[in-house]
């Protein structure tokens, strides 16, 4: 009889404890998906994406300007070279 009472009490304690743990987890999940929290998370995410896009655009523009300068230097060099050759003839 004592064994049955012991296991009954152990089962009751485990049941109550696990119920509290489940309720606590569900409340946290519900708070995480509440509209204000979701809006804040999406806002942070959107700002992060905006920052990444701006950084990519800046890097692209910098590379474009660098390449354009290289191309212009390549065009200017042969023109000066040809002009010098024509003057010497």
C-alpha atoms as a PDB file:
ATOM      1  CA  UNK A   1       0.000   0.000   0.000  1.00  0.00           C
ATOM      2  CA  UNK A   2       2.874   2.408   0.785  1.00  0.00           C
ATOM      3  CA  UNK A   3       4.476   1.699  -2.596  1.00  0.00           C
ATOM      4  CA  UNK A   4       1.268   2.595  -4.405  1.00  0.00           C
ATOM      5  CA  UNK A   5       0.875   5.785  -2.418  1.00  0.00           C
ATOM      6  CA  UNK A   6       4.534   6.711  -3.100  1.00  0.00           C
ATOM      7  CA  UNK A   7       4.158   6.206  -6.870  1.00  0.00           C
ATOM      8  CA  UNK A   8       0.845   8.034  -6.873  1.00  0.00           C
ATOM      9  CA  UNK A   9       2.509  11.052  -5.230  1.00  0.00           C
ATOM     10  CA  UNK A  10       5.519  10.862  -7.585  1.00  0.00           C
ATOM     11  CA  UNK A  11       3.203  10.739 -10.620  1.00  0.00           C
ATOM     12  CA  UNK A  12       1.140  13.650  -9.323  1.00  0.00           C
ATOM     13  CA  UNK A  13       4.239  15.800  -8.710  1.00  0.00           C
ATOM     14  CA  UNK A  14       5.677  15.013 -12.148  1.00  0.00           C
ATOM     15  CA  UNK A  15       2.328  15.735 -13.786  1.00  0.00           C
ATOM     16  CA  UNK A  16       1.910  19.087 -12.047  1.00  0.00           C
ATOM     17  CA  UNK A  17       5.520  20.077 -12.709  1.00  0.00           C
ATOM     18  CA  UNK A  18       5.361  19.193 -16.386  1.00  0.00           C
ATOM     19  CA  UNK A  19       2.040  21.019 -16.720  1.00  0.00           C
ATOM     20  CA  UNK A  20       3.584  24.209 -15.351  1.00  0.00           C
ATOM     21  CA  UNK A  21       6.554  23.832 -17.713  1.00  0.00           C
ATOM     22  CA  UNK A  22       4.293  23.350 -20.735  1.00  0.00           C
ATOM     23  CA  UNK A  23       2.111  26.326 -19.805  1.00  0.00           C
ATOM     24  CA  UNK A  24       5.195  28.515 -19.370  1.00  0.00           C
ATOM     25  CA  UNK A  25       6.559  27.497 -22.776  1.00  0.00           C
ATOM     26  CA  UNK A  26       3.216  28.125 -24.441  1.00  0.00           C
ATOM     27  CA  UNK A  27       2.973  31.587 -22.892  1.00  0.00           C
ATOM     28  CA  UNK A  28       6.464  32.458 -24.117  1.00  0.00           C
ATOM     29  CA  UNK A  29       5.611  31.222 -27.620  1.00  0.00           C
ATOM     30  CA  UNK A  30       2.360  33.198 -27.620  1.00  0.00           C
ATOM     31  CA  UNK A  31       4.194  36.342 -26.514  1.00  0.00           C
ATOM     32  CA  UNK A  32       6.816  35.809 -29.200  1.00  0.00           C
ATOM     33  CA  UNK A  33       4.164  35.654 -31.933  1.00  0.00           C
ATOM     34  CA  UNK A  34       2.006  38.481 -30.611  1.00  0.00           C
ATOM     35  CA  UNK A  35       1.546  41.285 -33.169  1.00  0.00           C
ATOM     36  CA  UNK A  36       3.784  43.912 -31.478  1.00  0.00           C
ATOM     37  CA  UNK A  37       6.657  41.454 -31.036  1.00  0.00           C
ATOM     38  CA  UNK A  38       6.346  40.201 -34.599  1.00  0.00           C
ATOM     39  CA  UNK A  39       6.338  43.774 -35.889  1.00  0.00           C
ATOM     40  CA  UNK A  40       9.469  44.595 -33.888  1.00  0.00           C
ATOM     41  CA  UNK A  41      11.271  41.492 -35.147  1.00  0.00           C
ATOM     42  CA  UNK A  42      10.323  42.207 -38.763  1.00  0.00           C
ATOM     43  CA  UNK A  43      11.402  45.821 -38.331  1.00  0.00           C
ATOM     44  CA  UNK A  44      14.829  44.750 -37.094  1.00  0.00           C
ATOM     45  CA  UNK A  45      15.078  42.244 -39.928  1.00  0.00           C
ATOM     46  CA  UNK A  46      14.091  44.829 -42.544  1.00  0.00           C
ATOM     47  CA  UNK A  47      16.636  47.330 -41.194  1.00  0.00           C
ATOM     48  CA  UNK A  48      19.319  44.652 -41.428  1.00  0.00           C
ATOM     49  CA  UNK A  49      18.384  43.897 -45.026  1.00  0.00           C
ATOM     50  CA  UNK A  50      18.345  47.616 -45.844  1.00  0.00           C
ATOM     51  CA  UNK A  51      21.814  48.004 -44.391  1.00  0.00           C
ATOM     52  CA  UNK A  52      23.089  45.035 -46.423  1.00  0.00           C
ATOM     53  CA  UNK A  53      21.552  46.391 -49.624  1.00  0.00           C
ATOM     54  CA  UNK A  54      23.075  49.838 -49.063  1.00  0.00           C
ATOM     55  CA  UNK A  55      26.482  48.289 -48.407  1.00  0.00           C
ATOM     56  CA  UNK A  56      26.221  46.185 -51.577  1.00  0.00           C
ATOM     57  CA  UNK A  57      25.218  49.229 -53.642  1.00  0.00           C
ATOM     58  CA  UNK A  58      28.105  51.275 -52.243  1.00  0.00           C
ATOM     59  CA  UNK A  59      30.547  48.476 -53.006  1.00  0.00           C
ATOM     60  CA  UNK A  60      29.125  48.080 -56.507  1.00  0.00           C
ATOM     61  CA  UNK A  61      29.389  51.800 -57.220  1.00  0.00           C
ATOM     62  CA  UNK A  62      32.951  51.861 -55.972  1.00  0.00           C
ATOM     63  CA  UNK A  63      33.892  48.915 -58.186  1.00  0.00           C
ATOM     64  CA  UNK A  64      32.107  50.555 -61.121  1.00  0.00           C
ATOM     65  CA  UNK A  65      34.025  53.810 -60.684  1.00  0.00           C
ATOM     66  CA  UNK A  66      37.307  51.945 -60.359  1.00  0.00           C
ATOM     67  CA  UNK A  67      36.663  49.897 -63.503  1.00  0.00           C
ATOM     68  CA  UNK A  68      35.511  52.980 -65.403  1.00  0.00           C
ATOM     69  CA  UNK A  69      38.728  54.763 -64.455  1.00  0.00           C
ATOM     70  CA  UNK A  70      40.734  51.763 -65.698  1.00  0.00           C
ATOM     71  CA  UNK A  71      38.835  51.726 -68.986  1.00  0.00           C
ATOM     72  CA  UNK A  72      39.218  55.481 -69.474  1.00  0.00           C
ATOM     73  CA  UNK A  73      42.940  55.214 -68.766  1.00  0.00           C
ATOM     74  CA  UNK A  74      43.167  52.447 -71.380  1.00  0.00           C
ATOM     75  CA  UNK A  75      41.387  54.615 -73.961  1.00  0.00           C
ATOM     76  CA  UNK A  76      43.417  57.730 -73.191  1.00  0.00           C
ATOM     77  CA  UNK A  77      46.765  55.950 -73.392  1.00  0.00           C
ATOM     78  CA  UNK A  78      46.512  54.778 -77.038  1.00  0.00           C
ATOM     79  CA  UNK A  79      45.144  58.165 -78.140  1.00  0.00           C
ATOM     80  CA  UNK A  80      48.178  59.972 -76.671  1.00  0.00           C
ATOM     81  CA  UNK A  81      50.412  57.318 -78.145  1.00  0.00           C
ATOM     82  CA  UNK A  82      48.871  57.778 -81.624  1.00  0.00           C
ATOM     83  CA  UNK A  83      49.046  61.566 -81.408  1.00  0.00           C
ATOM     84  CA  UNK A  84      52.717  61.400 -80.516  1.00  0.00           C
ATOM     85  CA  UNK A  85      53.405  59.053 -83.417  1.00  0.00           C
ATOM     86  CA  UNK A  86      51.575  61.322 -85.890  1.00  0.00           C
ATOM     87  CA  UNK A  87      53.452  64.413 -84.787  1.00  0.00           C
ATOM     88  CA  UNK A  88      56.794  62.681 -85.271  1.00  0.00           C
ATOM     89  CA  UNK A  89      56.009  61.667 -88.876  1.00  0.00           C
END
